[in-house]
Amino acid sequence: MTKTSSVMGPPPPALTTTTEPPAVRRALILGAVAFVALFLVMPLAVVLAEAFRRGVGAYFDAITEPYTLAAVGLTLTAAAIAVPLNVIFGLTAAWAIAKFEFAGKSLLITLIDLPFSVSPVIAGLIYVLMFGAQGWVGPWLIEHDFRIIFALPGIVLATVFVTFPFVARELIPLMQDQGTDEEEAATLLGASGWQTFFRVTLPNVKWALLYGVLLCNARAMGEFGAVAVVSGHIRGVTNTMPLHIEILYNEYKFAASFAVASLLALLALVTLVAKILLEWRYGDELAGVHRMPRGGKA
């Protein structure tokens, strides 16, 4: 009896996923690492080095200065208001777009992407033209002693505008991939609309929702252009952290400006670490959902 190995011959060579020579792959990896080091790591290192140039005492004096604390508080307050509003809008818009058919659906999707194509400065100017002293409703607001421009409401409005696509854009593709089978089954079993949303839809998108919240929060804390137009640069009142950094830098208080910048960078790094941990912990689950065909069947 002839051996199978002698009939079949040697096994075929293993398939490779790339056809580039090793030198090309190493060059691409080196280029990517150099890019990250040059445009991400080095600027962050410079910020930290300049922040501590005059010592730890000067650093803590800069970040505990009353105007700095006011800027930190305003930044966190604006983000704490804008992010939940965007969560509500993002969930509502994604649910409507992914689960229902209605007139104006394409227009709604286009409007969600509007902040990506409109300059934040233009967005801030629009709010000034609407709610400013010479705006459409500004005189009525002043008459009733309600301030939007150069106050917290204007900063929140500007922040909401530049950040509202992030949550919706994370949820829409996921909800579309999941389809409507589970919601229809819940409805047939007698669940109400709210019960279906909280017990079926929301648990299926919770990690994507958290991912969108992290991105939205990072963008809200770092927003400059739109907030700069509507804030009025009132120190200690309407200056957020990015605006306060600019003022300190323009006053040649470089160590203080870099100290506040390092604090803002630290908040961004915390958000980035949370994002990486979320991807590492639930990346397979989210990827599996995205690979499912429309209708939610494996």
C-alpha atoms as a PDB file:
ATOM      1  CA  MET A   1       0.000   0.000   0.000  1.00  0.00           C
ATOM      2  CA  THR A   2       1.441   3.345  -1.026  1.00  0.00           C
ATOM      3  CA  LYS A   3       1.847   5.949   1.694  1.00  0.00           C
ATOM      4  CA  THR A   4      -0.328   9.006   1.385  1.00  0.00           C
ATOM      5  CA  SER A   5       2.575  11.409   1.886  1.00  0.00           C
ATOM      6  CA  SER A   6       4.460   9.973  -1.101  1.00  0.00           C
ATOM      7  CA  VAL A   7       1.405  10.425  -3.344  1.00  0.00           C
ATOM      8  CA  MET A   8       0.489  13.931  -2.226  1.00  0.00           C
ATOM      9  CA  GLY A   9       4.031  15.277  -2.118  1.00  0.00           C
ATOM     10  CA  PRO A  10       5.256  18.126   0.111  1.00  0.00           C
ATOM     11  CA  PRO A  11       2.652  20.462   1.660  1.00  0.00           C
ATOM     12  CA  PRO A  12       1.978  23.761  -0.123  1.00  0.00           C
ATOM     13  CA  PRO A  13       3.818  26.830   1.161  1.00  0.00           C
ATOM     14  CA  ALA A  14       2.028  28.873   3.811  1.00  0.00           C
ATOM     15  CA  LEU A  15       0.101  31.852   2.498  1.00  0.00           C
ATOM     16  CA  THR A  16       1.256  35.298   3.573  1.00  0.00           C
ATOM     17  CA  THR A  17      -1.002  38.265   4.118  1.00  0.00           C
ATOM     18  CA  THR A  18       1.431  40.724   2.551  1.00  0.00           C
ATOM     19  CA  THR A  19       3.636  40.616  -0.510  1.00  0.00           C
ATOM     20  CA  GLU A  20       5.948  43.511   0.381  1.00  0.00           C
ATOM     21  CA  PRO A  21       9.591  42.739   1.130  1.00  0.00           C
ATOM     22  CA  PRO A  22      10.592  42.849   4.818  1.00  0.00           C
ATOM     23  CA  ALA A  23      12.539  46.050   4.242  1.00  0.00           C
ATOM     24  CA  VAL A  24       9.409  47.810   2.988  1.00  0.00           C
ATOM     25  CA  ARG A  25       7.374  46.650   5.981  1.00  0.00           C
ATOM     26  CA  ARG A  26      10.060  47.825   8.386  1.00  0.00           C
ATOM     27  CA  ALA A  27      10.209  51.190   6.627  1.00  0.00           C
ATOM     28  CA  LEU A  28       6.437  51.619   6.889  1.00  0.00           C
ATOM     29  CA  ILE A  29       6.442  50.713  10.583  1.00  0.00           C
ATOM     30  CA  LEU A  30       9.371  53.045  11.232  1.00  0.00           C
ATOM     31  CA  GLY A  31       7.610  55.858   9.379  1.00  0.00           C
ATOM     32  CA  ALA A  32       4.446  55.378  11.419  1.00  0.00           C
ATOM     33  CA  VAL A  33       6.374  55.345  14.695  1.00  0.00           C
ATOM     34  CA  ALA A  34       8.337  58.441  13.659  1.00  0.00           C
ATOM     35  CA  PHE A  35       5.103  60.248  12.769  1.00  0.00           C
ATOM     36  CA  VAL A  36       3.536  59.446  16.139  1.00  0.00           C
ATOM     37  CA  ALA A  37       6.695  60.478  17.974  1.00  0.00           C
ATOM     38  CA  LEU A  38       7.058  63.731  16.039  1.00  0.00           C
ATOM     39  CA  PHE A  39       3.457  64.946  16.084  1.00  0.00           C
ATOM     40  CA  LEU A  40       2.096  63.401  19.295  1.00  0.00           C
ATOM     41  CA  VAL A  41       4.754  62.349  21.789  1.00  0.00           C
ATOM     42  CA  MET A  42       7.204  65.225  21.319  1.00  0.00           C
ATOM     43  CA  PRO A  43       4.603  68.030  21.621  1.00  0.00           C
ATOM     44  CA  LEU A  44       3.253  66.433  24.797  1.00  0.00           C
ATOM     45  CA  ALA A  45       6.780  66.131  26.173  1.00  0.00           C
ATOM     46  CA  VAL A  46       7.462  69.779  25.364  1.00  0.00           C
ATOM     47  CA  VAL A  47       4.272  70.852  27.146  1.00  0.00           C
ATOM     48  CA  LEU A  48       5.243  68.911  30.283  1.00  0.00           C
ATOM     49  CA  ALA A  49       8.843  70.160  30.183  1.00  0.00           C
ATOM     50  CA  GLU A  50       7.770  73.799  29.833  1.00  0.00           C
ATOM     51  CA  ALA A  51       5.117  73.387  32.534  1.00  0.00           C
ATOM     52  CA  PHE A  52       7.724  72.301  35.096  1.00  0.00           C
ATOM     53  CA  ARG A  53      10.510  74.572  33.863  1.00  0.00           C
ATOM     54  CA  ARG A  54      10.262  76.815  36.946  1.00  0.00           C
ATOM     55  CA  GLY A  55       9.758  73.985  39.396  1.00  0.00           C
ATOM     56  CA  VAL A  56       6.928  72.071  40.972  1.00  0.00           C
ATOM     57  CA  GLY A  57       5.947  74.957  43.237  1.00  0.00           C
ATOM     58  CA  ALA A  58       5.427  77.353  40.336  1.00  0.00           C
ATOM     59  CA  TYR A  59       3.461  74.654  38.519  1.00  0.00           C
ATOM     60  CA  PHE A  60       1.000  74.171  41.363  1.00  0.00           C
ATOM     61  CA  ASP A  61       0.739  77.920  41.881  1.00  0.00           C
ATOM     62  CA  ALA A  62      -0.298  78.265  38.238  1.00  0.00           C
ATOM     63  CA  ILE A  63      -2.960  75.546  38.282  1.00  0.00           C
ATOM     64  CA  THR A  64      -4.400  76.635  41.636  1.00  0.00           C
ATOM     65  CA  GLU A  65      -4.637  80.306  40.679  1.00  0.00           C
ATOM     66  CA  PRO A  66      -8.290  81.527  40.998  1.00  0.00           C
ATOM     67  CA  TYR A  67      -8.717  82.324  37.302  1.00  0.00           C
ATOM     68  CA  THR A  68      -7.370  78.898  36.383  1.00  0.00           C
ATOM     69  CA  LEU A  69      -9.727  77.162  38.783  1.00  0.00           C
ATOM     70  CA  ALA A  70     -12.620  79.174  37.346  1.00  0.00           C
ATOM     71  CA  ALA A  71     -11.621  78.124  33.823  1.00  0.00           C
ATOM     72  CA  VAL A  72     -11.388  74.466  34.876  1.00  0.00           C
ATOM     73  CA  GLY A  73     -14.785  74.649  36.556  1.00  0.00           C
ATOM     74  CA  LEU A  74     -16.405  76.292  33.524  1.00  0.00           C
ATOM     75  CA  THR A  75     -14.886  73.725  31.155  1.00  0.00           C
ATOM     76  CA  LEU A  76     -16.140  70.806  33.229  1.00  0.00           C
ATOM     77  CA  THR A  77     -19.552  72.441  33.678  1.00  0.00           C
ATOM     78  CA  ALA A  78     -19.998  73.041  29.953  1.00  0.00           C
ATOM     79  CA  ALA A  79     -18.953  69.460  29.193  1.00  0.00           C
ATOM     80  CA  ALA A  80     -21.230  68.104  31.932  1.00  0.00           C
ATOM     81  CA  ILE A  81     -24.208  69.857  30.315  1.00  0.00           C
ATOM     82  CA  ALA A  82     -23.332  69.357  26.647  1.00  0.00           C
ATOM     83  CA  VAL A  83     -22.463  65.656  26.799  1.00  0.00           C
ATOM     84  CA  PRO A  84     -25.800  64.465  28.293  1.00  0.00           C
ATOM     85  CA  LEU A  85     -27.676  66.614  25.774  1.00  0.00           C
ATOM     86  CA  ASN A  86     -25.716  64.989  22.971  1.00  0.00           C
ATOM     87  CA  VAL A  87     -26.380  61.553  24.441  1.00  0.00           C
ATOM     88  CA  ILE A  88     -30.120  62.213  24.326  1.00  0.00           C
ATOM     89  CA  PHE A  89     -29.932  63.605  20.798  1.00  0.00           C
ATOM     90  CA  GLY A  90     -27.585  60.868  19.565  1.00  0.00           C
ATOM     91  CA  LEU A  91     -29.732  58.058  20.913  1.00  0.00           C
ATOM     92  CA  THR A  92     -32.910  59.599  19.542  1.00  0.00           C
ATOM     93  CA  ALA A  93     -31.467  60.341  16.118  1.00  0.00           C
ATOM     94  CA  ALA A  94     -29.740  56.962  15.769  1.00  0.00           C
ATOM     95  CA  TRP A  95     -32.869  55.077  16.858  1.00  0.00           C
ATOM     96  CA  ALA A  96     -35.030  56.986  14.395  1.00  0.00           C
ATOM     97  CA  ILE A  97     -32.576  56.648  11.494  1.00  0.00           C
ATOM     98  CA  ALA A  98     -31.700  52.981  12.037  1.00  0.00           C
ATOM     99  CA  LYS A  99     -35.079  51.581  13.068  1.00  0.00           C
ATOM    100  CA  PHE A 100     -37.653  53.596  11.094  1.00  0.00           C
ATOM    101  CA  GLU A 101     -38.337  54.941   7.631  1.00  0.00           C
ATOM    102  CA  PHE A 102     -39.647  58.496   7.416  1.00  0.00           C
ATOM    103  CA  ALA A 103     -39.623  61.539   5.162  1.00  0.00           C
ATOM    104  CA  GLY A 104     -36.548  63.695   5.625  1.00  0.00           C
ATOM    105  CA  LYS A 105     -34.314  60.873   6.819  1.00  0.00           C
ATOM    106  CA  SER A 106     -31.489  61.798   4.424  1.00  0.00           C
ATOM    107  CA  LEU A 107     -31.784  65.437   5.464  1.00  0.00           C
ATOM    108  CA  LEU A 108     -31.420  64.470   9.128  1.00  0.00           C
ATOM    109  CA  ILE A 109     -28.278  62.462   8.372  1.00  0.00           C
ATOM    110  CA  THR A 110     -26.861  65.453   6.493  1.00  0.00           C
ATOM    111  CA  LEU A 111     -27.633  67.806   9.378  1.00  0.00           C
ATOM    112  CA  ILE A 112     -25.875  65.484  11.813  1.00  0.00           C
ATOM    113  CA  ASP A 113     -22.702  65.811   9.738  1.00  0.00           C
ATOM    114  CA  LEU A 114     -23.023  69.609   9.481  1.00  0.00           C
ATOM    115  CA  PRO A 115     -20.550  70.448  12.293  1.00  0.00           C
ATOM    116  CA  PHE A 116     -17.887  68.456  10.445  1.00  0.00           C
ATOM    117  CA  SER A 117     -18.132  70.813   7.462  1.00  0.00           C
ATOM    118  CA  VAL A 118     -18.847  74.153   9.164  1.00  0.00           C
ATOM    119  CA  SER A 119     -16.041  76.026  10.875  1.00  0.00           C
ATOM    120  CA  PRO A 120     -16.564  76.309  14.649  1.00  0.00           C
ATOM    121  CA  VAL A 121     -15.905  80.034  14.369  1.00  0.00           C
ATOM    122  CA  ILE A 122     -18.793  80.356  11.907  1.00  0.00           C
ATOM    123  CA  ALA A 123     -21.008  78.397  14.288  1.00  0.00           C
ATOM    124  CA  GLY A 124     -20.160  80.787  17.112  1.00  0.00           C
ATOM    125  CA  LEU A 125     -20.837  83.774  14.880  1.00  0.00           C
ATOM    126  CA  ILE A 126     -24.259  82.368  13.997  1.00  0.00           C
ATOM    127  CA  TYR A 127     -25.163  82.249  17.691  1.00  0.00           C
ATOM    128  CA  VAL A 128     -23.978  85.833  18.138  1.00  0.00           C
ATOM    129  CA  LEU A 129     -26.154  86.947  15.213  1.00  0.00           C
ATOM    130  CA  MET A 130     -29.125  85.153  16.732  1.00  0.00           C
ATOM    131  CA  PHE A 131     -28.764  85.876  20.455  1.00  0.00           C
ATOM    132  CA  GLY A 132     -26.424  88.877  20.607  1.00  0.00           C
ATOM    133  CA  ALA A 133     -27.470  92.419  21.556  1.00  0.00           C
ATOM    134  CA  GLN A 134     -28.064  93.232  17.877  1.00  0.00           C
ATOM    135  CA  GLY A 135     -29.310  89.754  16.934  1.00  0.00           C
ATOM    136  CA  TRP A 136     -32.724  88.461  15.996  1.00  0.00           C
ATOM    137  CA  VAL A 137     -33.883  87.702  19.535  1.00  0.00           C
ATOM    138  CA  GLY A 138     -31.116  89.458  21.468  1.00  0.00           C
ATOM    139  CA  PRO A 139     -33.091  92.614  22.361  1.00  0.00           C
ATOM    140  CA  TRP A 140     -35.986  90.520  23.702  1.00  0.00           C
ATOM    141  CA  LEU A 141     -33.558  88.453  25.804  1.00  0.00           C
ATOM    142  CA  ILE A 142     -31.903  91.587  27.196  1.00  0.00           C
ATOM    143  CA  GLU A 143     -35.295  93.066  28.004  1.00  0.00           C
ATOM    144  CA  HIS A 144     -36.162  89.969  30.048  1.00  0.00           C
ATOM    145  CA  ASP A 145     -32.677  89.878  31.673  1.00  0.00           C
ATOM    146  CA  PHE A 146     -31.670  86.569  30.120  1.00  0.00           C
ATOM    147  CA  ARG A 147     -28.137  86.321  28.805  1.00  0.00           C
ATOM    148  CA  ILE A 148     -26.950  83.738  26.302  1.00  0.00           C
ATOM    149  CA  ILE A 149     -23.992  85.369  24.591  1.00  0.00           C
ATOM    150  CA  PHE A 150     -21.034  86.082  26.901  1.00  0.00           C
ATOM    151  CA  ALA A 151     -22.503  83.685  29.456  1.00  0.00           C
ATOM    152  CA  LEU A 152     -22.694  79.970  30.242  1.00  0.00           C
ATOM    153  CA  PRO A 153     -25.747  79.258  27.982  1.00  0.00           C
ATOM    154  CA  GLY A 154     -23.881  80.502  24.910  1.00  0.00           C
ATOM    155  CA  ILE A 155     -20.826  78.408  25.745  1.00  0.00           C
ATOM    156  CA  VAL A 156     -23.019  75.334  26.188  1.00  0.00           C
ATOM    157  CA  LEU A 157     -24.831  75.981  22.886  1.00  0.00           C
ATOM    158  CA  ALA A 158     -21.539  76.327  21.017  1.00  0.00           C
ATOM    159  CA  THR A 159     -20.173  73.183  22.649  1.00  0.00           C
ATOM    160  CA  VAL A 160     -23.309  71.192  21.850  1.00  0.00           C
ATOM    161  CA  PHE A 161     -23.151  72.241  18.206  1.00  0.00           C
ATOM    162  CA  VAL A 162     -19.557  71.153  17.615  1.00  0.00           C
ATOM    163  CA  THR A 163     -19.942  67.851  19.489  1.00  0.00           C
ATOM    164  CA  PHE A 164     -23.391  66.499  18.654  1.00  0.00           C
ATOM    165  CA  PRO A 165     -22.310  64.267  15.710  1.00  0.00           C
ATOM    166  CA  PHE A 166     -20.038  62.050  17.833  1.00  0.00           C
ATOM    167  CA  VAL A 167     -22.601  60.008  19.750  1.00  0.00           C
ATOM    168  CA  ALA A 168     -24.996  59.687  16.819  1.00  0.00           C
ATOM    169  CA  ARG A 169     -22.244  58.650  14.420  1.00  0.00           C
ATOM    170  CA  GLU A 170     -21.085  55.873  16.764  1.00  0.00           C
ATOM    171  CA  LEU A 171     -24.606  54.485  17.186  1.00  0.00           C
ATOM    172  CA  ILE A 172     -26.124  54.725  13.687  1.00  0.00           C
ATOM    173  CA  PRO A 173     -23.958  52.054  11.944  1.00  0.00           C
ATOM    174  CA  LEU A 174     -24.270  49.682  14.895  1.00  0.00           C
ATOM    175  CA  MET A 175     -28.053  49.981  15.097  1.00  0.00           C
ATOM    176  CA  GLN A 176     -28.355  49.539  11.337  1.00  0.00           C
ATOM    177  CA  ASP A 177     -26.294  46.333  11.498  1.00  0.00           C
ATOM    178  CA  GLN A 178     -28.417  44.986  14.327  1.00  0.00           C
ATOM    179  CA  GLY A 179     -31.619  45.454  12.355  1.00  0.00           C
ATOM    180  CA  THR A 180     -35.095  45.472  13.916  1.00  0.00           C
ATOM    181  CA  ASP A 181     -35.742  41.779  14.588  1.00  0.00           C
ATOM    182  CA  GLU A 182     -35.309  41.981  18.359  1.00  0.00           C
ATOM    183  CA  GLU A 183     -37.433  45.126  18.677  1.00  0.00           C
ATOM    184  CA  GLU A 184     -40.199  43.548  16.590  1.00  0.00           C
ATOM    185  CA  ALA A 185     -40.082  40.412  18.736  1.00  0.00           C
ATOM    186  CA  ALA A 186     -40.351  42.470  21.904  1.00  0.00           C
ATOM    187  CA  THR A 187     -43.322  44.361  20.486  1.00  0.00           C
ATOM    188  CA  LEU A 188     -45.068  41.125  19.554  1.00  0.00           C
ATOM    189  CA  LEU A 189     -44.553  39.882  23.114  1.00  0.00           C
ATOM    190  CA  GLY A 190     -46.385  42.930  24.425  1.00  0.00           C
ATOM    191  CA  ALA A 191     -43.558  45.294  25.349  1.00  0.00           C
ATOM    192  CA  SER A 192     -44.238  48.999  25.091  1.00  0.00           C
ATOM    193  CA  GLY A 193     -42.008  51.363  23.141  1.00  0.00           C
ATOM    194  CA  TRP A 194     -40.099  52.490  26.239  1.00  0.00           C
ATOM    195  CA  GLN A 195     -39.710  48.920  27.484  1.00  0.00           C
ATOM    196  CA  THR A 196     -38.354  47.876  24.100  1.00  0.00           C
ATOM    197  CA  PHE A 197     -35.894  50.749  24.092  1.00  0.00           C
ATOM    198  CA  PHE A 198     -34.548  50.285  27.629  1.00  0.00           C
ATOM    199  CA  ARG A 199     -34.533  46.461  27.680  1.00  0.00           C
ATOM    200  CA  VAL A 200     -33.582  45.623  24.090  1.00  0.00           C
ATOM    201  CA  THR A 201     -32.152  48.541  22.112  1.00  0.00           C
ATOM    202  CA  LEU A 202     -30.097  50.282  24.798  1.00  0.00           C
ATOM    203  CA  PRO A 203     -28.321  47.156  26.152  1.00  0.00           C
ATOM    204  CA  ASN A 204     -27.298  46.239  22.607  1.00  0.00           C
ATOM    205  CA  VAL A 205     -25.547  49.589  22.038  1.00  0.00           C
ATOM    206  CA  LYS A 206     -24.293  50.433  25.529  1.00  0.00           C
ATOM    207  CA  TRP A 207     -20.584  50.054  24.758  1.00  0.00           C
ATOM    208  CA  ALA A 208     -20.782  51.985  21.508  1.00  0.00           C
ATOM    209  CA  LEU A 209     -22.715  54.652  23.407  1.00  0.00           C
ATOM    210  CA  LEU A 210     -19.980  54.875  26.037  1.00  0.00           C
ATOM    211  CA  TYR A 211     -17.373  55.093  23.277  1.00  0.00           C
ATOM    212  CA  GLY A 212     -19.256  58.007  21.708  1.00  0.00           C
ATOM    213  CA  VAL A 213     -19.573  59.716  25.092  1.00  0.00           C
ATOM    214  CA  LEU A 214     -15.797  59.583  25.567  1.00  0.00           C
ATOM    215  CA  LEU A 215     -15.146  61.130  22.164  1.00  0.00           C
ATOM    216  CA  CYS A 216     -17.818  63.764  22.743  1.00  0.00           C
ATOM    217  CA  ASN A 217     -16.411  64.675  26.141  1.00  0.00           C
ATOM    218  CA  ALA A 218     -12.863  65.018  24.799  1.00  0.00           C
ATOM    219  CA  ARG A 219     -14.058  67.319  22.024  1.00  0.00           C
ATOM    220  CA  ALA A 220     -16.177  69.374  24.427  1.00  0.00           C
ATOM    221  CA  MET A 221     -13.292  70.059  26.810  1.00  0.00           C
ATOM    222  CA  GLY A 222     -10.910  71.053  24.031  1.00  0.00           C
ATOM    223  CA  GLU A 223     -13.230  73.256  21.951  1.00  0.00           C
ATOM    224  CA  PHE A 224     -11.778  76.679  21.171  1.00  0.00           C
ATOM    225  CA  GLY A 225     -13.173  78.383  18.048  1.00  0.00           C
ATOM    226  CA  ALA A 226     -16.923  78.453  18.670  1.00  0.00           C
ATOM    227  CA  VAL A 227     -16.526  79.095  22.395  1.00  0.00           C
ATOM    228  CA  ALA A 228     -14.062  81.925  21.747  1.00  0.00           C
ATOM    229  CA  VAL A 229     -16.687  83.787  19.693  1.00  0.00           C
ATOM    230  CA  VAL A 230     -19.559  83.500  22.173  1.00  0.00           C
ATOM    231  CA  SER A 231     -17.639  83.768  25.460  1.00  0.00           C
ATOM    232  CA  GLY A 232     -16.396  87.346  25.328  1.00  0.00           C
ATOM    233  CA  HIS A 233     -13.108  86.303  27.012  1.00  0.00           C
ATOM    234  CA  ILE A 234     -14.245  87.510  30.438  1.00  0.00           C
ATOM    235  CA  ARG A 235     -11.520  86.261  32.751  1.00  0.00           C
ATOM    236  CA  GLY A 236     -12.842  84.248  35.643  1.00  0.00           C
ATOM    237  CA  VAL A 237     -16.364  84.244  34.202  1.00  0.00           C
ATOM    238  CA  THR A 238     -16.531  82.946  30.610  1.00  0.00           C
ATOM    239  CA  ASN A 239     -12.994  81.723  29.934  1.00  0.00           C
ATOM    240  CA  THR A 240     -12.707  77.985  29.448  1.00  0.00           C
ATOM    241  CA  MET A 241      -9.364  76.232  29.743  1.00  0.00           C
ATOM    242  CA  PRO A 242      -8.347  76.633  26.060  1.00  0.00           C
ATOM    243  CA  LEU A 243      -9.219  80.344  26.186  1.00  0.00           C
ATOM    244  CA  HIS A 244      -7.369  80.806  29.476  1.00  0.00           C
ATOM    245  CA  ILE A 245      -4.281  79.145  27.998  1.00  0.00           C
ATOM    246  CA  GLU A 246      -4.356  81.577  25.081  1.00  0.00           C
ATOM    247  CA  ILE A 247      -4.633  84.598  27.389  1.00  0.00           C
ATOM    248  CA  LEU A 248      -1.738  83.448  29.564  1.00  0.00           C
ATOM    249  CA  TYR A 249       0.415  82.815  26.505  1.00  0.00           C
ATOM    250  CA  ASN A 250      -0.391  86.216  25.011  1.00  0.00           C
ATOM    251  CA  GLU A 251       0.605  87.816  28.326  1.00  0.00           C
ATOM    252  CA  TYR A 252       4.001  86.064  28.088  1.00  0.00           C
ATOM    253  CA  LYS A 253       3.212  83.903  31.122  1.00  0.00           C
ATOM    254  CA  PHE A 254       4.617  80.886  29.355  1.00  0.00           C
ATOM    255  CA  ALA A 255       5.144  78.644  32.369  1.00  0.00           C
ATOM    256  CA  ALA A 256       1.584  79.236  33.582  1.00  0.00           C
ATOM    257  CA  SER A 257       0.119  78.708  30.121  1.00  0.00           C
ATOM    258  CA  PHE A 258       1.973  75.419  29.697  1.00  0.00           C
ATOM    259  CA  ALA A 259       0.937  74.349  33.201  1.00  0.00           C
ATOM    260  CA  VAL A 260      -2.743  74.816  32.350  1.00  0.00           C
ATOM    261  CA  ALA A 261      -2.123  73.168  28.966  1.00  0.00           C
ATOM    262  CA  SER A 262      -0.643  70.146  30.744  1.00  0.00           C
ATOM    263  CA  LEU A 263      -3.767  69.936  32.886  1.00  0.00           C
ATOM    264  CA  LEU A 264      -5.946  69.969  29.779  1.00  0.00           C
ATOM    265  CA  ALA A 265      -3.659  67.383  28.181  1.00  0.00           C
ATOM    266  CA  LEU A 266      -4.011  65.233  31.301  1.00  0.00           C
ATOM    267  CA  LEU A 267      -7.805  65.313  30.979  1.00  0.00           C
ATOM    268  CA  ALA A 268      -7.433  64.326  27.323  1.00  0.00           C
ATOM    269  CA  LEU A 269      -5.080  61.484  28.252  1.00  0.00           C
ATOM    270  CA  VAL A 270      -7.546  60.184  30.826  1.00  0.00           C
ATOM    271  CA  THR A 271     -10.189  60.124  28.110  1.00  0.00           C
ATOM    272  CA  LEU A 272      -7.764  58.396  25.727  1.00  0.00           C
ATOM    273  CA  VAL A 273      -6.868  55.733  28.297  1.00  0.00           C
ATOM    274  CA  ALA A 274     -10.556  55.107  28.973  1.00  0.00           C
ATOM    275  CA  LYS A 275     -11.126  54.781  25.227  1.00  0.00           C
ATOM    276  CA  ILE A 276      -8.249  52.292  24.857  1.00  0.00           C
ATOM    277  CA  LEU A 277      -9.461  50.241  27.817  1.00  0.00           C
ATOM    278  CA  LEU A 278     -12.953  50.173  26.363  1.00  0.00           C
ATOM    279  CA  GLU A 279     -11.643  48.985  22.990  1.00  0.00           C
ATOM    280  CA  TRP A 280      -9.457  46.355  24.660  1.00  0.00           C
ATOM    281  CA  ARG A 281     -12.205  45.046  26.937  1.00  0.00           C
ATOM    282  CA  TYR A 282     -15.154  45.117  24.548  1.00  0.00           C
ATOM    283  CA  GLY A 283     -13.524  45.378  21.110  1.00  0.00           C
ATOM    284  CA  ASP A 284     -14.344  41.780  20.151  1.00  0.00           C
ATOM    285  CA  GLU A 285     -17.957  42.212  21.197  1.00  0.00           C
ATOM    286  CA  LEU A 286     -18.370  45.405  19.176  1.00  0.00           C
ATOM    287  CA  ALA A 287     -16.556  43.938  16.170  1.00  0.00           C
ATOM    288  CA  GLY A 288     -18.771  40.862  16.311  1.00  0.00           C
ATOM    289  CA  VAL A 289     -21.873  43.003  16.234  1.00  0.00           C
ATOM    290  CA  HIS A 290     -20.577  44.960  13.248  1.00  0.00           C
ATOM    291  CA  ARG A 291     -19.855  41.720  11.370  1.00  0.00           C
ATOM    292  CA  MET A 292     -23.420  40.502  11.766  1.00  0.00           C
ATOM    293  CA  PRO A 293     -25.561  40.804   8.630  1.00  0.00           C
ATOM    294  CA  ARG A 294     -28.497  43.171   8.615  1.00  0.00           C
ATOM    295  CA  GLY A 295     -31.314  41.691  10.627  1.00  0.00           C
ATOM    296  CA  GLY A 296     -29.101  40.582  13.532  1.00  0.00           C
ATOM    297  CA  LYS A 297     -28.806  36.906  12.542  1.00  0.00           C
ATOM    298  CA  ALA A 298     -25.416  35.267  12.925  1.00  0.00           C
END
